[in-house]
């Protein structure tokens, strides 16, 4: 259910001309576990045809630096 809502939102912002998508919130990633953020990113990029990231991935990347 949540992933289908994500798909709808991605299509909506992609057709509005977005050049980059940041998926906010952590419930899906927290529920599905470590690594699911990468699946979400791939899913969004495939649908939107633009680069994407999740807020949790961005935070983790920032902590690595």
C-alpha atoms as a PDB file:
ATOM      1  CA  UNK A   1       0.000   0.000   0.000  1.00  0.00           C
ATOM      2  CA  UNK A   2       2.655   2.529   1.004  1.00  0.00           C
ATOM      3  CA  UNK A   3       4.802   1.691  -2.013  1.00  0.00           C
ATOM      4  CA  UNK A   4       1.885   2.237  -4.386  1.00  0.00           C
ATOM      5  CA  UNK A   5       1.331   5.663  -2.808  1.00  0.00           C
ATOM      6  CA  UNK A   6       5.022   6.374  -3.284  1.00  0.00           C
ATOM      7  CA  UNK A   7       4.704   5.385  -6.950  1.00  0.00           C
ATOM      8  CA  UNK A   8       1.776   7.771  -7.404  1.00  0.00           C
ATOM      9  CA  UNK A   9       3.673  10.622  -5.756  1.00  0.00           C
ATOM     10  CA  UNK A  10       6.784   9.965  -7.844  1.00  0.00           C
ATOM     11  CA  UNK A  11       4.812  10.036 -11.077  1.00  0.00           C
ATOM     12  CA  UNK A  12       3.151  13.262  -9.993  1.00  0.00           C
ATOM     13  CA  UNK A  13       6.375  15.123  -9.218  1.00  0.00           C
ATOM     14  CA  UNK A  14       8.177  13.650 -12.228  1.00  0.00           C
ATOM     15  CA  UNK A  15       5.522  14.874 -14.619  1.00  0.00           C
ATOM     16  CA  UNK A  16       5.730  18.307 -12.976  1.00  0.00           C
ATOM     17  CA  UNK A  17       9.326  18.558 -14.181  1.00  0.00           C
ATOM     18  CA  UNK A  18      11.350  17.588 -11.132  1.00  0.00           C
ATOM     19  CA  UNK A  19      15.061  17.123 -11.771  1.00  0.00           C
ATOM     20  CA  UNK A  20      15.864  15.359  -8.481  1.00  0.00           C
ATOM     21  CA  UNK A  21      13.672  13.605  -5.907  1.00  0.00           C
ATOM     22  CA  UNK A  22      14.275  13.294  -2.175  1.00  0.00           C
ATOM     23  CA  UNK A  23      12.025  10.738  -0.478  1.00  0.00           C
ATOM     24  CA  UNK A  24      11.343  12.013   3.040  1.00  0.00           C
ATOM     25  CA  UNK A  25      10.475   9.939   6.068  1.00  0.00           C
ATOM     26  CA  UNK A  26      11.842   6.696   7.442  1.00  0.00           C
ATOM     27  CA  UNK A  27       8.917   4.362   8.215  1.00  0.00           C
ATOM     28  CA  UNK A  28       9.329   2.127   5.145  1.00  0.00           C
ATOM     29  CA  UNK A  29      13.095   1.954   5.487  1.00  0.00           C
ATOM     30  CA  UNK A  30      12.846   1.309   9.224  1.00  0.00           C
ATOM     31  CA  UNK A  31      10.199  -1.365   8.758  1.00  0.00           C
ATOM     32  CA  UNK A  32      11.935  -3.204   5.906  1.00  0.00           C
ATOM     33  CA  UNK A  33      15.417  -2.844   7.361  1.00  0.00           C
ATOM     34  CA  UNK A  34      18.896  -1.762   6.352  1.00  0.00           C
ATOM     35  CA  UNK A  35      19.359  -1.607   2.611  1.00  0.00           C
ATOM     36  CA  UNK A  36      15.719  -1.043   1.719  1.00  0.00           C
ATOM     37  CA  UNK A  37      16.538   2.616   1.134  1.00  0.00           C
ATOM     38  CA  UNK A  38      18.542   1.515  -1.908  1.00  0.00           C
ATOM     39  CA  UNK A  39      15.532  -0.392  -3.240  1.00  0.00           C
ATOM     40  CA  UNK A  40      13.375   2.712  -2.820  1.00  0.00           C
ATOM     41  CA  UNK A  41      15.973   4.837  -4.613  1.00  0.00           C
ATOM     42  CA  UNK A  42      16.133   2.398  -7.542  1.00  0.00           C
ATOM     43  CA  UNK A  43      12.335   2.240  -7.713  1.00  0.00           C
ATOM     44  CA  UNK A  44      11.971   6.035  -7.738  1.00  0.00           C
ATOM     45  CA  UNK A  45      14.729   6.546 -10.295  1.00  0.00           C
ATOM     46  CA  UNK A  46      13.226   3.919 -12.603  1.00  0.00           C
ATOM     47  CA  UNK A  47       9.796   5.558 -12.490  1.00  0.00           C
ATOM     48  CA  UNK A  48      10.881   9.202 -12.544  1.00  0.00           C
ATOM     49  CA  UNK A  49      13.949   8.939 -14.800  1.00  0.00           C
ATOM     50  CA  UNK A  50      15.770  11.429 -12.546  1.00  0.00           C
ATOM     51  CA  UNK A  51      18.276  10.961  -9.687  1.00  0.00           C
ATOM     52  CA  UNK A  52      16.810  10.254  -6.257  1.00  0.00           C
ATOM     53  CA  UNK A  53      17.811   9.709  -2.634  1.00  0.00           C
ATOM     54  CA  UNK A  54      16.040   9.119   0.669  1.00  0.00           C
ATOM     55  CA  UNK A  55      16.469  11.476   3.596  1.00  0.00           C
ATOM     56  CA  UNK A  56      17.822   8.595   5.678  1.00  0.00           C
ATOM     57  CA  UNK A  57      20.415   7.764   3.005  1.00  0.00           C
ATOM     58  CA  UNK A  58      21.491  11.396   2.821  1.00  0.00           C
ATOM     59  CA  UNK A  59      21.884  11.541   6.607  1.00  0.00           C
ATOM     60  CA  UNK A  60      23.909   8.317   6.659  1.00  0.00           C
ATOM     61  CA  UNK A  61      26.102   9.588   3.826  1.00  0.00           C
ATOM     62  CA  UNK A  62      26.736  12.825   5.729  1.00  0.00           C
ATOM     63  CA  UNK A  63      27.783  10.914   8.832  1.00  0.00           C
ATOM     64  CA  UNK A  64      30.322   8.908   6.830  1.00  0.00           C
ATOM     65  CA  UNK A  65      32.235  12.071   5.903  1.00  0.00           C
END
